[in-house]
Structure formats: structure tokens, C-alpha cells
Amino acid sequence: MSRDGPLGSSLHLWPAVWKGVHHQILDNRLKDLSWRIVHSAIVTNFKRYSWGLGNGECPRCNEMESIRHAFWFCRSNDLIWDWVDSVSDRLHVRQWHPSVWYILYGSSGPQCSVVNENFIWLVTSTAKRYIWLGRNAKVYEKIQFNEQTIILQIKTDIRQRVKVERQRLSLTKYQRLWPDINLRLVLDGRPP
């Protein structure tokens, strides 16, 4: 199996994986990224190296850049995943912490209400998007985003999404999809 290898013979995990990839709370850009991760279709430097291009190193920390590394193991992401963990804590999801399997594939998620689980998956998927965009900004534009900037981008994206959904959906549909939370408290850790 390659460094980025798909789940392969772990057939029992596939229903959870596909639920995460095609989750109703994700927009198309997040579904696309999830699909590409699951299918090992993300072009990391390790993949380029396997094609005879480049040295395979992560542009942020100089370790070998597999998909797992780019989204989970790179120490440049530590603060981001700590923040995601704190969001789940503020939703009162206890004794659960994001894992590489949850981040990449959506399996082994939290045991909580459906709307809280949906929100945590949205936060996680949005975090993956901005981690990847930040990585690409460094590679292609020579712009370095620190973890705090990426967290701010994630928060802004989620706030905008919630605002649009509140206007777009009926109250019943909105309440079925979105948790009844104070976004500022959950995302920022402080009351309004």
C-alpha cells in the first residue's frame, strides 16, 4: 500500500466514508476535496516525487508530504486541529478528539446529536480546505499563512455559510441542519 493508500480492504469503513464525502452539510467545493482525499487524488509533493518530480518534501516543515502528512501529521496544522477539538468541546462533545481517520475519511466521528455532528464535520472539512489552500499559497504564490490566519479564514467561511443558509432555508429545515448555538461562543470561545 502506498503512503497515501486508500482504505483498501477496510470495507466496513466505506459507508461512513461515503457519508462524509457526500454529506448534506458540505458544499460542492468541500465534497470535491473530500472525494479527492479519499481517492488519493491530491497531488502532494510525495506523489510528484513518485513521478520523478521534486524531492517529496512538505513545503511547510520539510518532512515527506503524503496526504496524511499534509492534512494531519504536519506540525503546521497542530494549532488548527487543536482549535477544531476546542469547537467540539464547546458543543459539549466530550471524550472525543479528531483523529487522522476522522479528518481524512470521516470515520470514527463523535457520538453526539446529529446537528452537532454535522457542524463538527463542516468545521473539519472547512479546516481541510483552508489547510490545502494555505499549503498551495506557499507552493505557488510564495505566501505563508500562519495557523491563526487559517483559523480566521475557517471561522469567516463558516459564519458566511450559516448566514446564507439562514436566509435560504425555511426555519424548519435550518433547525434540522444547523445546531442551535451561539456561533461566536462556539467558534471563538467567548460570549457575544
N, C-alpha and C. Protein backbone atom coordinates (compact mmCIF):
# COMPACT_ATOMS: atom_id res chain seq x y z
N MET A 1 0.86 -1.18 0.00
CA MET A 1 0.00 0.00 0.00
C MET A 1 0.90 1.24 0.00
N SER A 2 0.51 2.25 -0.75
CA SER A 2 1.29 3.48 -0.79
C SER A 2 1.13 4.25 0.50
N ARG A 3 1.97 5.24 0.67
CA ARG A 3 1.91 6.12 1.84
C ARG A 3 0.52 6.73 1.99
N ASP A 4 -0.10 7.09 0.89
CA ASP A 4 -1.41 7.73 0.92
C ASP A 4 -2.53 6.72 0.72
N GLY A 5 -2.19 5.46 0.61
CA GLY A 5 -3.12 4.43 0.21
C GLY A 5 -4.54 4.59 0.71
N PRO A 6 -5.49 4.25 -0.15
CA PRO A 6 -6.89 4.32 0.26
C PRO A 6 -7.19 3.28 1.32
N LEU A 7 -8.39 3.23 1.76
CA LEU A 7 -8.78 2.33 2.83
C LEU A 7 -8.69 0.86 2.43
N GLY A 8 -8.62 0.61 1.14
CA GLY A 8 -8.41 -0.74 0.66
C GLY A 8 -9.41 -1.75 1.18
N SER A 9 -8.91 -2.75 1.93
CA SER A 9 -9.76 -3.86 2.38
C SER A 9 -10.61 -3.53 3.60
N SER A 10 -10.56 -2.32 4.08
CA SER A 10 -11.37 -1.92 5.24
C SER A 10 -12.79 -1.62 4.81
N LEU A 11 -13.45 -2.62 4.25
CA LEU A 11 -14.78 -2.42 3.67
C LEU A 11 -15.81 -1.93 4.68
N HIS A 12 -15.66 -2.30 5.93
CA HIS A 12 -16.64 -1.87 6.94
C HIS A 12 -16.62 -0.36 7.16
N LEU A 13 -15.54 0.31 6.74
CA LEU A 13 -15.45 1.77 6.92
C LEU A 13 -16.08 2.55 5.78
N TRP A 14 -16.26 1.92 4.62
CA TRP A 14 -16.72 2.67 3.45
C TRP A 14 -18.06 3.37 3.63
N PRO A 15 -19.07 2.79 4.27
CA PRO A 15 -20.32 3.55 4.44
C PRO A 15 -20.12 4.88 5.17
N ALA A 16 -19.30 4.88 6.21
CA ALA A 16 -19.03 6.12 6.94
C ALA A 16 -18.24 7.09 6.07
N VAL A 17 -17.32 6.56 5.28
CA VAL A 17 -16.51 7.41 4.40
C VAL A 17 -17.41 8.10 3.38
N TRP A 18 -18.27 7.34 2.70
CA TRP A 18 -19.13 7.94 1.68
C TRP A 18 -20.15 8.89 2.28
N LYS A 19 -20.59 8.60 3.49
CA LYS A 19 -21.48 9.54 4.19
C LYS A 19 -20.77 10.88 4.38
N GLY A 20 -19.50 10.82 4.76
CA GLY A 20 -18.73 12.05 4.95
C GLY A 20 -18.46 12.79 3.65
N VAL A 21 -18.10 12.05 2.61
CA VAL A 21 -17.79 12.67 1.32
C VAL A 21 -19.01 13.39 0.74
N HIS A 22 -20.17 12.76 0.85
CA HIS A 22 -21.39 13.31 0.24
C HIS A 22 -22.33 13.93 1.26
N HIS A 23 -21.80 14.35 2.38
CA HIS A 23 -22.64 14.86 3.47
C HIS A 23 -23.42 16.09 3.02
N GLN A 24 -24.68 16.16 3.45
CA GLN A 24 -25.57 17.26 3.05
C GLN A 24 -25.08 18.62 3.53
N ILE A 25 -24.29 18.68 4.58
CA ILE A 25 -23.86 19.97 5.10
C ILE A 25 -22.69 20.55 4.30
N LEU A 26 -22.05 19.73 3.48
CA LEU A 26 -20.91 20.21 2.70
C LEU A 26 -21.36 20.81 1.38
N ASP A 27 -20.71 21.90 0.99
CA ASP A 27 -20.97 22.44 -0.34
C ASP A 27 -20.09 21.68 -1.33
N ASN A 28 -20.23 21.98 -2.61
CA ASN A 28 -19.55 21.21 -3.64
C ASN A 28 -18.03 21.27 -3.53
N ARG A 29 -17.48 22.42 -3.16
CA ARG A 29 -16.01 22.52 -3.06
C ARG A 29 -15.48 21.62 -1.95
N LEU A 30 -16.23 21.49 -0.84
CA LEU A 30 -15.80 20.63 0.26
C LEU A 30 -16.00 19.16 -0.09
N LYS A 31 -17.09 18.85 -0.80
CA LYS A 31 -17.31 17.47 -1.25
C LYS A 31 -16.21 17.05 -2.22
N ASP A 32 -15.83 17.96 -3.12
CA ASP A 32 -14.78 17.65 -4.09
C ASP A 32 -13.46 17.36 -3.38
N LEU A 33 -13.09 18.18 -2.42
CA LEU A 33 -11.84 17.95 -1.69
C LEU A 33 -11.91 16.62 -0.94
N SER A 34 -13.02 16.35 -0.28
CA SER A 34 -13.17 15.07 0.44
C SER A 34 -13.04 13.89 -0.52
N TRP A 35 -13.67 13.99 -1.68
CA TRP A 35 -13.59 12.92 -2.68
C TRP A 35 -12.15 12.71 -3.12
N ARG A 36 -11.45 13.81 -3.39
CA ARG A 36 -10.06 13.71 -3.84
C ARG A 36 -9.15 13.11 -2.77
N ILE A 37 -9.41 13.44 -1.51
CA ILE A 37 -8.61 12.84 -0.42
C ILE A 37 -8.86 11.34 -0.35
N VAL A 38 -10.12 10.93 -0.36
CA VAL A 38 -10.47 9.51 -0.26
C VAL A 38 -9.88 8.71 -1.42
N HIS A 39 -9.84 9.31 -2.61
CA HIS A 39 -9.32 8.61 -3.78
C HIS A 39 -7.82 8.84 -4.01
N SER A 40 -7.15 9.43 -3.03
CA SER A 40 -5.72 9.73 -3.14
C SER A 40 -5.42 10.53 -4.41
N ALA A 41 -6.33 11.44 -4.75
CA ALA A 41 -6.18 12.24 -5.96
C ALA A 41 -5.64 13.64 -5.65
N ILE A 42 -5.13 13.84 -4.46
CA ILE A 42 -4.49 15.11 -4.09
C ILE A 42 -3.03 15.01 -4.52
N VAL A 43 -2.57 15.99 -5.26
CA VAL A 43 -1.18 15.95 -5.74
C VAL A 43 -0.28 16.60 -4.69
N THR A 44 0.25 15.75 -3.83
CA THR A 44 1.22 16.20 -2.82
C THR A 44 2.61 16.12 -3.43
N ASN A 45 3.58 16.64 -2.71
CA ASN A 45 4.96 16.54 -3.19
C ASN A 45 5.46 15.10 -3.19
N PHE A 46 4.94 14.26 -2.29
CA PHE A 46 5.31 12.84 -2.31
C PHE A 46 4.83 12.19 -3.61
N LYS A 47 3.61 12.52 -4.02
CA LYS A 47 3.09 11.97 -5.28
C LYS A 47 3.93 12.47 -6.45
N ARG A 48 4.27 13.75 -6.45
CA ARG A 48 5.11 14.30 -7.51
C ARG A 48 6.47 13.60 -7.53
N TYR A 49 7.02 13.34 -6.34
CA TYR A 49 8.30 12.64 -6.22
C TYR A 49 8.20 11.24 -6.82
N SER A 50 7.07 10.57 -6.59
CA SER A 50 6.88 9.22 -7.15
C SER A 50 6.82 9.27 -8.68
N TRP A 51 6.52 10.43 -9.23
CA TRP A 51 6.51 10.62 -10.69
C TRP A 51 7.88 11.10 -11.20
N GLY A 52 8.84 11.24 -10.30
CA GLY A 52 10.16 11.72 -10.68
C GLY A 52 10.29 13.23 -10.69
N LEU A 53 9.37 13.92 -10.00
CA LEU A 53 9.38 15.38 -9.95
C LEU A 53 9.59 15.85 -8.51
N GLY A 54 10.55 16.69 -8.28
CA GLY A 54 10.75 17.28 -6.95
C GLY A 54 11.35 16.30 -5.96
N ASN A 55 11.39 16.75 -4.70
CA ASN A 55 12.04 15.96 -3.66
C ASN A 55 11.05 15.33 -2.67
N GLY A 56 9.76 15.58 -2.81
CA GLY A 56 8.76 14.97 -1.95
C GLY A 56 8.55 15.65 -0.61
N GLU A 57 9.27 16.74 -0.35
CA GLU A 57 9.20 17.39 0.97
C GLU A 57 8.00 18.31 1.10
N CYS A 58 7.47 18.35 2.31
CA CYS A 58 6.39 19.28 2.65
C CYS A 58 6.93 20.70 2.56
N PRO A 59 6.21 21.60 1.91
CA PRO A 59 6.69 22.98 1.79
C PRO A 59 6.65 23.74 3.12
N ARG A 60 5.96 23.19 4.12
CA ARG A 60 5.83 23.89 5.39
C ARG A 60 6.79 23.40 6.45
N CYS A 61 7.17 22.11 6.41
CA CYS A 61 8.02 21.59 7.51
C CYS A 61 9.17 20.71 7.02
N ASN A 62 9.26 20.46 5.72
CA ASN A 62 10.32 19.67 5.10
C ASN A 62 10.30 18.18 5.39
N GLU A 63 9.23 17.66 6.00
CA GLU A 63 9.04 16.21 6.13
C GLU A 63 8.49 15.70 4.79
N MET A 64 8.41 14.39 4.62
CA MET A 64 7.84 13.82 3.40
C MET A 64 6.34 14.14 3.38
N GLU A 65 5.85 14.71 2.26
CA GLU A 65 4.48 15.22 2.21
C GLU A 65 3.52 14.24 1.54
N SER A 66 2.96 13.34 2.32
CA SER A 66 1.88 12.47 1.86
C SER A 66 0.56 13.20 2.13
N ILE A 67 -0.54 12.63 1.72
CA ILE A 67 -1.84 13.22 2.02
C ILE A 67 -2.06 13.25 3.53
N ARG A 68 -1.74 12.15 4.19
CA ARG A 68 -1.89 12.12 5.65
C ARG A 68 -1.04 13.19 6.30
N HIS A 69 0.16 13.36 5.80
CA HIS A 69 1.02 14.40 6.37
C HIS A 69 0.44 15.79 6.12
N ALA A 70 0.05 16.06 4.89
CA ALA A 70 -0.43 17.41 4.54
C ALA A 70 -1.61 17.84 5.38
N PHE A 71 -2.51 16.90 5.68
CA PHE A 71 -3.73 17.27 6.39
C PHE A 71 -3.70 16.95 7.88
N TRP A 72 -2.82 16.08 8.34
CA TRP A 72 -2.86 15.69 9.75
C TRP A 72 -1.51 15.78 10.45
N PHE A 73 -0.50 15.10 9.92
CA PHE A 73 0.75 14.95 10.65
C PHE A 73 1.66 16.17 10.60
N CYS A 74 1.49 17.05 9.64
CA CYS A 74 2.34 18.24 9.56
C CYS A 74 2.14 19.09 10.81
N ARG A 75 3.25 19.40 11.48
CA ARG A 75 3.14 20.18 12.72
C ARG A 75 2.60 21.58 12.48
N SER A 76 2.58 22.03 11.24
CA SER A 76 1.99 23.33 10.91
C SER A 76 0.48 23.34 11.10
N ASN A 77 -0.12 22.16 11.25
CA ASN A 77 -1.57 22.05 11.42
C ASN A 77 -1.99 21.86 12.87
N ASP A 78 -1.04 21.69 13.77
CA ASP A 78 -1.37 21.35 15.16
C ASP A 78 -2.35 22.31 15.80
N LEU A 79 -2.10 23.60 15.67
CA LEU A 79 -2.97 24.60 16.29
C LEU A 79 -4.38 24.57 15.67
N ILE A 80 -4.44 24.30 14.38
CA ILE A 80 -5.74 24.24 13.69
C ILE A 80 -6.56 23.08 14.23
N TRP A 81 -5.96 21.89 14.35
CA TRP A 81 -6.71 20.74 14.86
C TRP A 81 -7.01 20.88 16.34
N ASP A 82 -6.15 21.56 17.09
CA ASP A 82 -6.47 21.86 18.50
C ASP A 82 -7.70 22.77 18.57
N TRP A 83 -7.78 23.73 17.65
CA TRP A 83 -8.94 24.62 17.61
C TRP A 83 -10.21 23.84 17.26
N VAL A 84 -10.13 22.94 16.26
CA VAL A 84 -11.29 22.11 15.90
C VAL A 84 -11.73 21.29 17.12
N ASP A 85 -10.77 20.75 17.84
CA ASP A 85 -11.08 19.99 19.05
C ASP A 85 -11.78 20.87 20.08
N SER A 86 -11.34 22.12 20.20
CA SER A 86 -11.98 23.03 21.16
C SER A 86 -13.41 23.38 20.74
N VAL A 87 -13.67 23.43 19.43
CA VAL A 87 -15.04 23.66 18.94
C VAL A 87 -15.93 22.50 19.38
N SER A 88 -15.44 21.28 19.23
CA SER A 88 -16.25 20.12 19.66
C SER A 88 -16.46 20.15 21.17
N ASP A 89 -15.47 20.59 21.93
CA ASP A 89 -15.65 20.73 23.39
C ASP A 89 -16.74 21.74 23.72
N ARG A 90 -16.75 22.85 22.99
CA ARG A 90 -17.76 23.88 23.26
C ARG A 90 -19.16 23.45 22.84
N LEU A 91 -19.23 22.42 22.00
CA LEU A 91 -20.53 21.82 21.66
C LEU A 91 -20.87 20.70 22.65
N HIS A 92 -20.08 20.57 23.68
CA HIS A 92 -20.27 19.58 24.75
C HIS A 92 -20.10 18.15 24.25
N VAL A 93 -19.21 17.98 23.26
CA VAL A 93 -18.85 16.64 22.80
C VAL A 93 -17.61 16.25 23.59
N ARG A 94 -17.77 15.38 24.54
CA ARG A 94 -16.69 15.01 25.45
C ARG A 94 -16.12 13.64 25.08
N GLN A 95 -14.92 13.42 25.52
CA GLN A 95 -14.22 12.15 25.33
C GLN A 95 -14.11 11.77 23.86
N TRP A 96 -13.97 12.77 23.01
CA TRP A 96 -13.73 12.53 21.59
C TRP A 96 -12.77 13.61 21.11
N HIS A 97 -11.83 13.20 20.29
CA HIS A 97 -10.88 14.14 19.71
C HIS A 97 -10.69 13.75 18.25
N PRO A 98 -10.48 14.73 17.38
CA PRO A 98 -10.27 14.41 15.96
C PRO A 98 -9.08 13.45 15.80
N SER A 99 -9.23 12.51 14.90
CA SER A 99 -8.15 11.56 14.59
C SER A 99 -7.86 11.64 13.11
N VAL A 100 -6.76 11.03 12.70
CA VAL A 100 -6.43 11.02 11.28
C VAL A 100 -7.53 10.36 10.47
N TRP A 101 -8.19 9.32 11.00
CA TRP A 101 -9.26 8.64 10.28
C TRP A 101 -10.48 9.55 10.13
N TYR A 102 -10.77 10.32 11.14
CA TYR A 102 -11.90 11.25 11.04
C TYR A 102 -11.57 12.39 10.09
N ILE A 103 -10.41 12.97 10.25
CA ILE A 103 -10.02 14.12 9.41
C ILE A 103 -10.03 13.74 7.93
N LEU A 104 -9.40 12.63 7.60
CA LEU A 104 -9.28 12.26 6.19
C LEU A 104 -10.51 11.58 5.62
N TYR A 105 -11.14 10.72 6.42
CA TYR A 105 -12.18 9.86 5.86
C TYR A 105 -13.56 10.02 6.49
N GLY A 106 -13.65 10.75 7.59
CA GLY A 106 -14.95 10.94 8.23
C GLY A 106 -15.40 9.77 9.08
N SER A 107 -14.54 8.80 9.30
CA SER A 107 -14.93 7.67 10.15
C SER A 107 -14.48 7.92 11.58
N SER A 108 -15.06 7.21 12.51
CA SER A 108 -14.76 7.37 13.95
C SER A 108 -15.09 8.76 14.44
N GLY A 109 -16.26 9.24 14.03
CA GLY A 109 -16.70 10.58 14.42
C GLY A 109 -17.25 10.61 15.83
N PRO A 110 -17.64 11.79 16.27
CA PRO A 110 -18.14 11.94 17.64
C PRO A 110 -19.52 11.31 17.82
N GLN A 111 -19.78 10.86 19.03
CA GLN A 111 -21.11 10.36 19.39
C GLN A 111 -21.85 11.52 20.03
N CYS A 112 -22.70 12.16 19.27
CA CYS A 112 -23.43 13.33 19.77
C CYS A 112 -24.68 13.51 18.91
N SER A 113 -25.40 14.59 19.14
CA SER A 113 -26.60 14.84 18.34
C SER A 113 -26.22 15.00 16.86
N VAL A 114 -27.15 14.70 15.99
CA VAL A 114 -26.89 14.77 14.55
C VAL A 114 -26.48 16.18 14.14
N VAL A 115 -27.16 17.21 14.64
CA VAL A 115 -26.82 18.57 14.22
C VAL A 115 -25.43 18.96 14.71
N ASN A 116 -25.04 18.55 15.90
CA ASN A 116 -23.68 18.84 16.36
C ASN A 116 -22.65 18.07 15.55
N GLU A 117 -22.96 16.82 15.25
CA GLU A 117 -22.06 16.02 14.41
C GLU A 117 -21.90 16.67 13.03
N ASN A 118 -23.01 17.14 12.46
CA ASN A 118 -22.96 17.83 11.17
C ASN A 118 -22.05 19.05 11.25
N PHE A 119 -22.23 19.84 12.30
CA PHE A 119 -21.45 21.07 12.44
C PHE A 119 -19.97 20.76 12.61
N ILE A 120 -19.64 19.75 13.40
CA ILE A 120 -18.23 19.38 13.58
C ILE A 120 -17.64 18.91 12.25
N TRP A 121 -18.42 18.18 11.45
CA TRP A 121 -17.92 17.73 10.15
C TRP A 121 -17.72 18.93 9.21
N LEU A 122 -18.61 19.90 9.26
CA LEU A 122 -18.43 21.11 8.46
C LEU A 122 -17.16 21.85 8.88
N VAL A 123 -16.96 22.01 10.17
CA VAL A 123 -15.75 22.70 10.66
C VAL A 123 -14.51 21.93 10.22
N THR A 124 -14.53 20.61 10.36
CA THR A 124 -13.39 19.77 9.97
C THR A 124 -13.12 19.88 8.48
N SER A 125 -14.15 19.78 7.67
CA SER A 125 -13.99 19.83 6.21
C SER A 125 -13.53 21.21 5.76
N THR A 126 -14.04 22.25 6.39
CA THR A 126 -13.61 23.61 6.06
C THR A 126 -12.16 23.80 6.46
N ALA A 127 -11.76 23.24 7.59
CA ALA A 127 -10.36 23.31 8.02
C ALA A 127 -9.46 22.64 6.99
N LYS A 128 -9.86 21.47 6.49
CA LYS A 128 -9.06 20.79 5.47
C LYS A 128 -8.91 21.67 4.24
N ARG A 129 -9.98 22.33 3.85
CA ARG A 129 -9.93 23.19 2.66
C ARG A 129 -8.91 24.31 2.84
N TYR A 130 -8.96 24.98 3.99
CA TYR A 130 -8.05 26.10 4.19
C TYR A 130 -6.62 25.66 4.47
N ILE A 131 -6.44 24.48 5.03
CA ILE A 131 -5.08 23.93 5.15
C ILE A 131 -4.50 23.71 3.76
N TRP A 132 -5.31 23.14 2.86
CA TRP A 132 -4.84 22.87 1.50
C TRP A 132 -4.61 24.17 0.73
N LEU A 133 -5.52 25.13 0.87
CA LEU A 133 -5.33 26.42 0.20
C LEU A 133 -4.08 27.13 0.73
N GLY A 134 -3.85 27.05 2.04
CA GLY A 134 -2.65 27.66 2.63
C GLY A 134 -1.39 26.99 2.13
N ARG A 135 -1.43 25.69 2.03
CA ARG A 135 -0.28 24.95 1.50
C ARG A 135 -0.01 25.36 0.06
N ASN A 136 -1.06 25.46 -0.75
CA ASN A 136 -0.90 25.83 -2.15
C ASN A 136 -0.44 27.28 -2.31
N ALA A 137 -0.88 28.17 -1.43
CA ALA A 137 -0.40 29.56 -1.47
C ALA A 137 1.10 29.61 -1.25
N LYS A 138 1.59 28.77 -0.35
CA LYS A 138 3.04 28.73 -0.09
C LYS A 138 3.77 28.18 -1.30
N VAL A 139 3.25 27.12 -1.91
CA VAL A 139 3.92 26.48 -3.04
C VAL A 139 3.89 27.35 -4.29
N TYR A 140 2.72 27.89 -4.63
CA TYR A 140 2.56 28.54 -5.93
C TYR A 140 2.69 30.05 -5.89
N GLU A 141 2.42 30.67 -4.75
CA GLU A 141 2.47 32.13 -4.67
C GLU A 141 3.52 32.63 -3.70
N LYS A 142 4.21 31.71 -3.04
CA LYS A 142 5.25 32.05 -2.04
C LYS A 142 4.69 32.89 -0.91
N ILE A 143 3.42 32.65 -0.54
CA ILE A 143 2.76 33.35 0.56
C ILE A 143 2.60 32.36 1.70
N GLN A 144 3.05 32.74 2.89
CA GLN A 144 2.96 31.86 4.06
C GLN A 144 1.83 32.34 4.96
N PHE A 145 0.81 31.51 5.15
CA PHE A 145 -0.25 31.81 6.11
C PHE A 145 0.06 31.08 7.40
N ASN A 146 0.01 31.80 8.53
CA ASN A 146 0.20 31.11 9.80
C ASN A 146 -1.11 30.45 10.22
N GLU A 147 -1.03 29.63 11.27
CA GLU A 147 -2.20 28.87 11.71
C GLU A 147 -3.34 29.78 12.14
N GLN A 148 -3.03 30.90 12.79
CA GLN A 148 -4.08 31.82 13.25
C GLN A 148 -4.84 32.41 12.06
N THR A 149 -4.13 32.73 11.00
CA THR A 149 -4.78 33.26 9.79
C THR A 149 -5.70 32.21 9.18
N ILE A 150 -5.25 30.97 9.13
CA ILE A 150 -6.08 29.90 8.58
C ILE A 150 -7.32 29.69 9.44
N ILE A 151 -7.17 29.72 10.76
CA ILE A 151 -8.33 29.57 11.65
C ILE A 151 -9.31 30.71 11.42
N LEU A 152 -8.82 31.93 11.25
CA LEU A 152 -9.69 33.07 10.97
C LEU A 152 -10.43 32.87 9.64
N GLN A 153 -9.76 32.35 8.63
CA GLN A 153 -10.42 32.07 7.35
C GLN A 153 -11.52 31.02 7.52
N ILE A 154 -11.25 30.00 8.31
CA ILE A 154 -12.25 28.96 8.56
C ILE A 154 -13.48 29.56 9.24
N LYS A 155 -13.25 30.36 10.28
CA LYS A 155 -14.36 30.99 11.01
C LYS A 155 -15.19 31.88 10.10
N THR A 156 -14.52 32.68 9.28
CA THR A 156 -15.21 33.59 8.37
C THR A 156 -16.06 32.80 7.37
N ASP A 157 -15.50 31.75 6.82
CA ASP A 157 -16.22 30.91 5.86
C ASP A 157 -17.46 30.30 6.50
N ILE A 158 -17.33 29.77 7.70
CA ILE A 158 -18.47 29.13 8.38
C ILE A 158 -19.53 30.15 8.73
N ARG A 159 -19.12 31.31 9.23
CA ARG A 159 -20.11 32.36 9.55
C ARG A 159 -20.89 32.76 8.31
N GLN A 160 -20.20 32.93 7.19
CA GLN A 160 -20.86 33.31 5.94
C GLN A 160 -21.82 32.21 5.50
N ARG A 161 -21.39 30.97 5.62
CA ARG A 161 -22.23 29.84 5.23
C ARG A 161 -23.50 29.79 6.07
N VAL A 162 -23.37 29.96 7.38
CA VAL A 162 -24.54 29.93 8.27
C VAL A 162 -25.48 31.08 7.94
N LYS A 163 -24.93 32.25 7.66
CA LYS A 163 -25.75 33.42 7.32
C LYS A 163 -26.56 33.16 6.05
N VAL A 164 -25.92 32.62 5.03
CA VAL A 164 -26.60 32.32 3.77
C VAL A 164 -27.67 31.25 3.97
N GLU A 165 -27.33 30.21 4.72
CA GLU A 165 -28.29 29.13 4.95
C GLU A 165 -29.50 29.62 5.75
N ARG A 166 -29.29 30.52 6.68
CA ARG A 166 -30.39 31.07 7.48
C ARG A 166 -31.37 31.80 6.57
N GLN A 167 -30.87 32.48 5.56
CA GLN A 167 -31.73 33.22 4.62
C GLN A 167 -32.36 32.29 3.59
N ARG A 168 -31.64 31.26 3.19
CA ARG A 168 -32.07 30.38 2.10
C ARG A 168 -33.09 29.34 2.53
N LEU A 169 -32.94 28.79 3.71
CA LEU A 169 -33.78 27.67 4.15
C LEU A 169 -34.97 28.13 4.97
N SER A 170 -36.00 27.30 4.97
CA SER A 170 -37.12 27.55 5.89
C SER A 170 -36.59 27.33 7.31
N LEU A 171 -37.29 27.86 8.28
CA LEU A 171 -36.86 27.73 9.68
C LEU A 171 -36.75 26.26 10.08
N THR A 172 -37.71 25.45 9.66
CA THR A 172 -37.70 24.02 10.00
C THR A 172 -36.47 23.33 9.42
N LYS A 173 -36.18 23.56 8.14
CA LYS A 173 -35.01 22.93 7.51
C LYS A 173 -33.71 23.45 8.13
N TYR A 174 -33.68 24.73 8.41
CA TYR A 174 -32.48 25.31 9.02
C TYR A 174 -32.21 24.66 10.38
N GLN A 175 -33.24 24.52 11.20
CA GLN A 175 -33.06 23.95 12.53
C GLN A 175 -32.70 22.46 12.48
N ARG A 176 -33.12 21.77 11.43
CA ARG A 176 -32.77 20.37 11.28
C ARG A 176 -31.30 20.20 10.90
N LEU A 177 -30.77 21.18 10.19
CA LEU A 177 -29.40 21.08 9.68
C LEU A 177 -28.37 21.73 10.59
N TRP A 178 -28.75 22.82 11.23
CA TRP A 178 -27.78 23.60 11.99
C TRP A 178 -28.09 23.55 13.48
N PRO A 179 -27.04 23.41 14.31
CA PRO A 179 -27.28 23.39 15.75
C PRO A 179 -27.73 24.76 16.26
N ASP A 180 -28.49 24.75 17.32
CA ASP A 180 -28.93 26.00 17.96
C ASP A 180 -27.80 26.46 18.87
N ILE A 181 -26.86 27.19 18.27
CA ILE A 181 -25.66 27.59 19.01
C ILE A 181 -25.41 29.08 18.83
N ASN A 182 -24.62 29.59 19.70
CA ASN A 182 -24.10 30.93 19.54
C ASN A 182 -22.77 30.77 18.80
N LEU A 183 -22.73 31.17 17.54
CA LEU A 183 -21.53 30.96 16.72
C LEU A 183 -20.29 31.58 17.34
N ARG A 184 -20.44 32.77 17.90
CA ARG A 184 -19.27 33.43 18.48
C ARG A 184 -18.71 32.61 19.64
N LEU A 185 -19.59 32.08 20.47
CA LEU A 185 -19.13 31.27 21.59
C LEU A 185 -18.47 29.98 21.10
N VAL A 186 -19.09 29.32 20.14
CA VAL A 186 -18.57 28.03 19.67
C VAL A 186 -17.28 28.21 18.87
N LEU A 187 -17.24 29.18 17.96
CA LEU A 187 -16.06 29.35 17.12
C LEU A 187 -14.93 30.10 17.83
N ASP A 188 -15.27 31.08 18.64
CA ASP A 188 -14.25 31.92 19.26
C ASP A 188 -13.97 31.59 20.72
N GLY A 189 -14.87 30.86 21.36
CA GLY A 189 -14.67 30.52 22.75
C GLY A 189 -15.00 31.63 23.71
N ARG A 190 -15.75 32.62 23.23
CA ARG A 190 -16.15 33.71 24.13
C ARG A 190 -17.58 34.14 23.81
N PRO A 191 -18.29 34.60 24.81
CA PRO A 191 -19.69 35.01 24.59
C PRO A 191 -19.77 36.29 23.76
N PRO A 192 -20.94 36.56 23.17
CA PRO A 192 -21.10 37.76 22.33
C PRO A 192 -20.94 39.03 23.13
